Amino acid sequence: MYIKKILLTIVFIGLAVAAYFAYYVYNAMFVSNTNFNNDVAYVYVPTNGTYADVREQLKPLLKDIDTFDALAEQKKYVTNIKAGRFAIKKGMNNNDIINSIRSNNLPIRLSFNNQESLEKLAGRISVQIEADSLSLLNTMKDSSFLQKNNFNLATSLGMYIPNSYEFFWNTSAEQFRDRMLKEYNRFWNDSRKAKAEALNLSPNQVIALASIVHEESKAVDEQPRIAGVYLNRLRIGMPLQADPTLKFAAYQLPKYKNTIIKRVLNIHKEIDSPYNTYKNLGLTPGLIAMPDVSAIDAVLNYEKHDYLYFAADAKRLGYHKFAKTLAQHNVNAREYQRYLSSQGINR
């Protein structure tokens, strides 16, 4: 009888332990364990990240980190960390969370436009993906890569066609650069290449001219007409005389660092620089800024006309008045200069 009681006690204890274990497993796997109010939270796991890195991000997002630890150990997640951007939805249990951060790396929409230099582009990209700005910049400036793909430091910014692209957050600097080269080659399809050849321009030259057009006017409907003016000048051997190139040249000098030139003056026309299109014939050595796709296509699909000059329109800001003769242009230019003076813009 005594032995029977002992056996029953053991059985009851075993059942209790089993019940507790089952309850613990149920809580660890199937009970909601999120502790945030938004519909979704994101975890960013760095390349070569450890479980400690993941746990540090998860701790404020979960009600019970200990049950998560136990299940992560059981499912061998702690030794199989994947880099990337992962979503945790409100109400998820530990099992769902582990499945999500182990195998559901979510892409991001990366975008850029109007970056004036590789340095600024690298900074813009570094806040969107894992790669830091220094590694991005060094990769973008890699001389062997540039030479192999017919770029140099002056033209390299033109390889980055402004748009929105889908990337994984844990993209490296090299992966980003190489993907942009593919996008550049995709952009320069047979149609665009044929139009560039008809202009006797290379893609790099088209983009350099497009950067000037874009700096002259952000009005998409006017860009083809401005492009036509510059192409007319190139055909007859006339200097481009583009004011944005003077600003670019000036900003390379210590004297003009951290300044904004609102009015181009004769002193700027004397700057000794290959980007001074008042002194030098032909196109600039490279871009003066990152042009929008609209400006690139404006060059390739320029408006055919006889204009050789244009000046900003004081009565329609953002647009220009065009002229076929220097005499008419001088009238238009003086009108705009008077407008600048009336606004107190002297430099």
Protein backbone atom coordinates (compact mmCIF):
# COMPACT_ATOMS: atom_id res chain seq x y z
CA MET A 1 0.00 0.00 0.00
CA TYR A 2 2.86 2.31 0.92
CA ILE A 3 4.61 1.59 -2.38
CA LYS A 4 1.39 2.25 -4.25
CA LYS A 5 1.12 5.71 -2.65
CA ILE A 6 4.69 6.47 -3.59
CA LEU A 7 4.05 5.44 -7.19
CA LEU A 8 0.88 7.55 -7.33
CA THR A 9 2.76 10.51 -5.90
CA ILE A 10 5.47 10.10 -8.50
CA VAL A 11 2.84 9.90 -11.24
CA PHE A 12 1.11 13.06 -9.99
CA ILE A 13 4.44 14.89 -9.75
CA GLY A 14 5.32 13.72 -13.25
CA LEU A 15 1.98 14.90 -14.58
CA ALA A 16 2.41 18.23 -12.84
CA VAL A 17 5.89 18.65 -14.26
CA ALA A 18 4.65 17.64 -17.70
CA ALA A 19 1.76 20.06 -17.41
CA TYR A 20 4.06 22.86 -16.33
CA PHE A 21 6.47 22.03 -19.15
CA ALA A 22 3.62 21.97 -21.65
CA TYR A 23 2.36 25.28 -20.30
CA TYR A 24 5.85 26.75 -20.50
CA VAL A 25 6.34 25.50 -24.05
CA TYR A 26 2.92 26.82 -25.03
CA ASN A 27 3.76 30.26 -23.60
CA ALA A 28 7.20 30.23 -25.18
CA MET A 29 5.89 29.32 -28.62
CA PHE A 30 2.29 30.38 -29.08
CA VAL A 31 1.38 33.25 -26.73
CA SER A 32 1.76 36.82 -28.01
CA ASN A 33 5.01 38.31 -26.77
CA THR A 34 5.16 41.77 -28.31
CA ASN A 35 5.31 44.92 -26.21
CA PHE A 36 4.80 47.84 -28.63
CA ASN A 37 1.79 49.80 -29.83
CA ASN A 38 2.61 50.20 -33.53
CA ASP A 39 1.42 47.63 -36.03
CA VAL A 40 4.97 46.62 -36.84
CA ALA A 41 8.50 47.12 -35.51
CA TYR A 42 11.72 46.52 -37.40
CA VAL A 43 14.92 44.83 -36.33
CA TYR A 44 18.16 45.60 -38.20
CA VAL A 45 20.71 42.82 -37.89
CA PRO A 46 24.19 43.87 -39.03
CA THR A 47 26.50 41.77 -41.13
CA ASN A 48 28.34 39.34 -38.82
CA GLY A 49 25.89 40.26 -36.08
CA THR A 50 25.57 38.05 -33.01
CA TYR A 51 22.64 36.87 -30.98
CA ALA A 52 23.57 39.52 -28.41
CA ASP A 53 23.07 42.19 -31.10
CA VAL A 54 19.64 40.80 -31.93
CA ARG A 55 18.66 40.39 -28.29
CA GLU A 56 19.60 44.00 -27.52
CA GLN A 57 17.14 45.23 -30.14
CA LEU A 58 14.42 42.76 -29.20
CA LYS A 59 14.47 43.35 -25.44
CA PRO A 60 12.40 46.56 -25.44
CA LEU A 61 10.01 45.06 -28.01
CA LEU A 62 9.11 41.89 -26.10
CA LYS A 63 7.15 41.24 -22.91
CA ASP A 64 9.29 38.28 -21.87
CA ILE A 65 12.79 38.02 -23.28
CA ASP A 66 13.53 34.88 -21.25
CA THR A 67 10.96 32.73 -23.04
CA PHE A 68 12.27 34.05 -26.33
CA ASP A 69 15.81 33.11 -25.32
CA ALA A 70 14.71 29.59 -24.47
CA LEU A 71 12.94 29.04 -27.77
CA ALA A 72 15.74 30.68 -29.76
CA GLU A 73 18.16 28.24 -28.15
CA GLN A 74 15.85 25.30 -28.83
CA LYS A 75 15.42 26.27 -32.50
CA LYS A 76 19.18 26.90 -32.86
CA TYR A 77 18.61 30.49 -33.93
CA VAL A 78 21.28 31.73 -31.53
CA THR A 79 23.96 30.12 -33.71
CA ASN A 80 22.35 30.90 -37.07
CA ILE A 81 21.98 34.70 -37.21
CA LYS A 82 21.03 36.26 -40.55
CA ALA A 83 21.79 39.87 -41.43
CA GLY A 84 19.05 42.13 -42.76
CA ARG A 85 15.94 44.12 -41.97
CA PHE A 86 13.16 42.11 -40.37
CA ALA A 87 9.61 42.90 -39.34
CA ILE A 88 7.91 41.97 -36.09
CA LYS A 89 4.17 42.44 -36.20
CA LYS A 90 2.14 43.36 -33.17
CA GLY A 91 0.75 40.23 -31.49
CA MET A 92 3.36 37.83 -32.83
CA ASN A 93 4.46 34.94 -30.64
CA ASN A 94 8.06 33.85 -30.14
CA ASN A 95 7.84 31.17 -32.78
CA ASP A 96 6.57 33.64 -35.39
CA ILE A 97 9.22 36.19 -34.42
CA ILE A 98 12.04 33.69 -34.80
CA ASN A 99 10.71 32.51 -38.16
CA SER A 100 10.51 36.12 -39.34
CA ILE A 101 13.99 37.25 -38.28
CA ARG A 102 15.56 34.05 -39.51
CA SER A 103 14.28 33.95 -43.06
CA ASN A 104 12.28 37.04 -44.04
CA ASN A 105 14.81 39.74 -44.93
CA LEU A 106 12.70 42.67 -46.17
CA PRO A 107 13.93 45.02 -48.93
CA ILE A 108 13.86 48.79 -48.62
CA ARG A 109 13.15 51.49 -51.19
CA LEU A 110 16.38 53.41 -51.60
CA SER A 111 16.23 56.75 -53.38
CA PHE A 112 18.53 59.63 -54.27
CA ASN A 113 18.55 62.69 -56.52
CA ASN A 114 20.20 66.09 -56.78
CA GLN A 115 23.34 65.06 -54.90
CA GLU A 116 26.07 67.48 -56.00
CA SER A 117 29.06 65.21 -55.40
CA LEU A 118 30.12 61.67 -54.62
CA GLU A 119 30.64 62.75 -51.00
CA LYS A 120 27.04 63.91 -50.67
CA LEU A 121 25.76 60.85 -52.50
CA ALA A 122 27.67 58.56 -50.15
CA GLY A 123 26.17 60.40 -47.19
CA ARG A 124 22.67 60.10 -48.63
CA ILE A 125 23.02 56.35 -49.26
CA SER A 126 24.62 55.59 -45.89
CA VAL A 127 21.48 56.59 -43.98
CA GLN A 128 19.45 54.10 -46.01
CA ILE A 129 21.60 50.94 -46.01
CA GLU A 130 24.12 49.31 -43.70
CA ALA A 131 27.24 50.48 -45.56
CA ASP A 132 28.82 53.60 -44.02
CA SER A 133 29.60 56.75 -46.00
CA LEU A 134 33.38 56.28 -45.94
CA SER A 135 33.28 52.76 -47.37
CA LEU A 136 30.77 53.91 -49.98
CA LEU A 137 32.92 56.87 -50.99
CA ASN A 138 36.10 54.80 -51.20
CA THR A 139 34.31 52.21 -53.32
CA MET A 140 32.82 54.86 -55.61
CA LYS A 141 36.27 56.39 -56.14
CA ASP A 142 38.09 53.10 -56.75
CA SER A 143 40.38 53.94 -59.67
CA SER A 144 40.57 50.43 -61.14
CA PHE A 145 36.79 50.13 -61.18
CA LEU A 146 36.40 53.57 -62.78
CA GLN A 147 39.01 52.92 -65.45
CA LYS A 148 37.60 49.49 -66.26
CA ASN A 149 34.14 50.99 -66.85
CA ASN A 150 35.19 54.13 -68.78
CA PHE A 151 34.77 56.62 -65.95
CA ASN A 152 37.07 58.94 -64.06
CA LEU A 153 36.60 61.05 -60.94
CA ALA A 154 35.11 63.90 -62.98
CA THR A 155 32.50 61.69 -64.67
CA SER A 156 31.90 59.07 -61.96
CA LEU A 157 28.86 60.79 -60.45
CA GLY A 158 27.10 60.26 -63.78
CA MET A 159 27.04 56.51 -63.18
CA TYR A 160 24.39 56.99 -60.51
CA ILE A 161 21.05 57.51 -62.24
CA PRO A 162 18.67 59.21 -59.77
CA ASN A 163 15.63 57.10 -59.01
CA SER A 164 14.14 54.78 -56.40
CA TYR A 165 15.58 51.28 -56.21
CA GLU A 166 14.86 48.16 -54.18
CA PHE A 167 17.76 47.01 -52.01
CA PHE A 168 18.28 44.84 -48.97
CA TRP A 169 19.31 46.93 -45.97
CA ASN A 170 22.47 44.85 -45.43
CA THR A 171 23.84 45.79 -48.87
CA SER A 172 27.59 46.39 -48.87
CA ALA A 173 29.31 49.36 -50.51
CA GLU A 174 30.57 47.18 -53.36
CA GLN A 175 27.16 45.62 -53.90
CA PHE A 176 25.56 49.06 -54.08
CA ARG A 177 28.12 50.38 -56.57
CA ASP A 178 27.96 47.29 -58.78
CA ARG A 179 24.16 47.40 -58.82
CA MET A 180 24.28 51.05 -59.87
CA LEU A 181 26.57 50.14 -62.77
CA LYS A 182 23.96 47.62 -63.93
CA GLU A 183 21.23 50.26 -63.64
CA TYR A 184 23.40 52.71 -65.59
CA ASN A 185 23.91 50.17 -68.39
CA ARG A 186 20.20 49.40 -68.37
CA PHE A 187 19.40 53.12 -68.60
CA TRP A 188 21.68 53.52 -71.60
CA ASN A 189 19.63 51.30 -73.87
CA ASP A 190 20.04 51.11 -77.63
CA SER A 191 17.64 54.00 -78.19
CA ARG A 192 19.47 56.43 -75.90
CA LYS A 193 22.87 55.33 -77.23
CA ALA A 194 21.74 55.96 -80.81
CA LYS A 195 20.54 59.46 -79.91
CA ALA A 196 23.84 60.23 -78.20
CA GLU A 197 25.78 59.03 -81.25
CA ALA A 198 23.64 61.24 -83.49
CA LEU A 199 24.82 64.18 -81.36
CA ASN A 200 28.44 63.01 -81.61
CA LEU A 201 28.45 62.77 -77.82
CA SER A 202 29.33 59.93 -75.47
CA PRO A 203 26.99 59.03 -72.59
CA ASN A 204 29.40 60.78 -70.22
CA GLN A 205 29.26 63.93 -72.32
CA VAL A 206 25.47 63.80 -72.54
CA ILE A 207 25.23 63.58 -68.75
CA ALA A 208 27.76 66.40 -68.31
CA LEU A 209 25.67 68.64 -70.55
CA ALA A 210 22.48 67.46 -68.82
CA SER A 211 23.94 68.56 -65.49
CA ILE A 212 24.33 72.08 -66.88
CA VAL A 213 20.81 72.04 -68.32
CA HIS A 214 19.42 70.83 -65.00
CA GLU A 215 21.21 73.57 -63.07
CA GLU A 216 19.90 76.16 -65.50
CA SER A 217 16.28 75.07 -65.23
CA LYS A 218 14.27 72.67 -63.11
CA ALA A 219 11.27 73.23 -65.43
CA VAL A 220 10.98 69.94 -67.30
CA ASP A 221 9.02 71.52 -70.14
CA GLU A 222 11.79 74.07 -70.77
CA GLN A 223 14.84 71.80 -70.49
CA PRO A 224 14.75 70.57 -74.13
CA ARG A 225 14.82 74.18 -75.37
CA ILE A 226 17.81 75.04 -73.16
CA ALA A 227 19.55 71.88 -74.32
CA GLY A 228 18.94 73.03 -77.89
CA VAL A 229 20.68 76.34 -77.19
CA TYR A 230 23.79 74.63 -75.86
CA LEU A 231 23.88 72.13 -78.71
CA ASN A 232 23.57 75.02 -81.19
CA ARG A 233 26.56 76.68 -79.53
CA LEU A 234 28.60 73.49 -79.64
CA ARG A 235 27.88 73.06 -83.36
CA ILE A 236 29.18 76.51 -84.29
CA GLY A 237 32.15 76.44 -81.92
CA MET A 238 30.72 79.05 -79.59
CA PRO A 239 31.59 78.84 -75.86
CA LEU A 240 28.76 77.45 -73.76
CA GLN A 241 29.01 80.45 -71.42
CA ALA A 242 26.92 78.65 -68.81
CA ASP A 243 26.65 80.49 -65.51
CA PRO A 244 26.18 77.30 -63.44
CA THR A 245 29.64 76.16 -64.53
CA LEU A 246 31.11 79.38 -63.11
CA LYS A 247 29.43 78.71 -59.79
CA PHE A 248 30.79 75.17 -59.80
CA ALA A 249 34.29 76.43 -60.55
CA ALA A 250 34.01 79.06 -57.82
CA TYR A 251 32.86 76.58 -55.19
CA GLN A 252 36.07 74.60 -55.71
CA LEU A 253 38.05 77.57 -54.40
CA PRO A 254 38.61 78.23 -50.66
CA LYS A 255 37.35 81.79 -51.13
CA TYR A 256 33.85 80.57 -51.96
CA LYS A 257 33.53 77.67 -49.52
CA ASN A 258 30.32 77.81 -47.48
CA THR A 259 28.95 80.65 -49.60
CA ILE A 260 26.01 80.87 -51.96
CA ILE A 261 26.47 82.75 -55.23
CA LYS A 262 23.13 84.29 -56.14
CA ARG A 263 24.41 86.55 -58.89
CA VAL A 264 27.16 85.71 -61.36
CA LEU A 265 29.56 88.63 -61.80
CA ASN A 266 32.39 89.42 -64.20
CA ILE A 267 34.91 88.41 -61.55
CA HIS A 268 33.56 84.86 -61.70
CA LYS A 269 34.19 84.78 -65.44
CA GLU A 270 37.91 85.21 -64.78
CA ILE A 271 38.25 82.06 -62.64
CA ASP A 272 40.97 79.80 -64.01
CA SER A 273 39.25 76.42 -64.22
CA PRO A 274 38.46 73.81 -66.90
CA TYR A 275 34.86 74.25 -65.77
CA ASN A 276 34.81 77.91 -66.77
CA THR A 277 32.82 77.70 -70.00
CA TYR A 278 33.36 81.40 -70.67
CA LYS A 279 37.09 80.77 -71.06
CA ASN A 280 37.07 77.24 -72.46
CA LEU A 281 35.39 75.87 -75.57
CA GLY A 282 33.35 72.70 -75.48
CA LEU A 283 31.92 70.69 -72.64
CA THR A 284 33.14 70.57 -69.07
CA PRO A 285 35.38 67.64 -68.05
CA GLY A 286 32.53 66.15 -66.06
CA LEU A 287 29.33 66.83 -64.20
CA ILE A 288 28.69 69.95 -62.16
CA ALA A 289 25.82 68.22 -60.32
CA MET A 290 23.59 65.17 -60.57
CA PRO A 291 20.99 65.77 -63.29
CA ASP A 292 17.49 64.36 -63.21
CA VAL A 293 16.54 61.83 -65.85
CA SER A 294 14.37 64.56 -67.40
CA ALA A 295 17.47 66.66 -68.11
CA ILE A 296 19.35 63.73 -69.64
CA ASP A 297 16.43 62.97 -71.91
CA ALA A 298 16.10 66.68 -72.68
CA VAL A 299 19.57 66.61 -74.20
CA LEU A 300 18.86 63.44 -76.14
CA ASN A 301 15.51 64.82 -77.32
CA TYR A 302 16.48 68.48 -77.58
CA GLU A 303 14.25 71.07 -79.19
CA LYS A 304 15.43 72.06 -82.65
CA HIS A 305 15.45 75.85 -83.06
CA ASP A 306 17.72 78.80 -83.95
CA TYR A 307 18.15 80.25 -80.46
CA LEU A 308 21.69 80.94 -79.27
CA TYR A 309 20.92 82.85 -76.08
CA PHE A 310 18.64 82.81 -73.07
CA ALA A 311 18.24 84.86 -69.91
CA ALA A 312 16.15 84.33 -66.80
CA ASP A 313 12.65 85.78 -67.08
CA ALA A 314 12.00 88.30 -64.32
CA LYS A 315 8.26 88.10 -64.87
CA ARG A 316 8.11 84.31 -64.92
CA LEU A 317 10.59 83.11 -62.37
CA GLY A 318 11.94 79.65 -63.04
CA TYR A 319 11.70 80.17 -66.79
CA HIS A 320 13.78 82.00 -69.40
CA LYS A 321 13.51 84.32 -72.38
CA PHE A 322 15.22 83.05 -75.52
CA ALA A 323 16.86 85.07 -78.27
CA LYS A 324 18.41 84.46 -81.67
CA THR A 325 20.55 87.60 -81.66
CA LEU A 326 22.96 89.06 -79.12
CA ALA A 327 21.16 92.41 -79.28
CA GLN A 328 17.86 90.88 -78.20
CA HIS A 329 19.61 88.80 -75.57
CA ASN A 330 21.21 91.90 -74.07
CA VAL A 331 17.77 93.46 -73.70
CA ASN A 332 16.50 90.33 -71.90
CA ALA A 333 19.61 90.11 -69.73
CA ARG A 334 19.44 93.76 -68.65
CA GLU A 335 15.82 93.30 -67.65
CA TYR A 336 16.74 90.43 -65.36
CA GLN A 337 19.77 92.27 -63.95
CA ARG A 338 17.48 95.16 -63.01
CA TYR A 339 15.20 92.69 -61.27
CA LEU A 340 18.10 91.27 -59.23
CA SER A 341 19.18 94.76 -58.22
CA SER A 342 15.65 95.63 -57.17
CA GLN A 343 15.69 92.62 -54.87
CA GLY A 344 18.99 93.63 -53.32
CA ILE A 345 20.81 90.66 -54.84
CA ASN A 346 24.27 91.98 -55.62
CA ARG A 347 26.45 88.86 -55.31
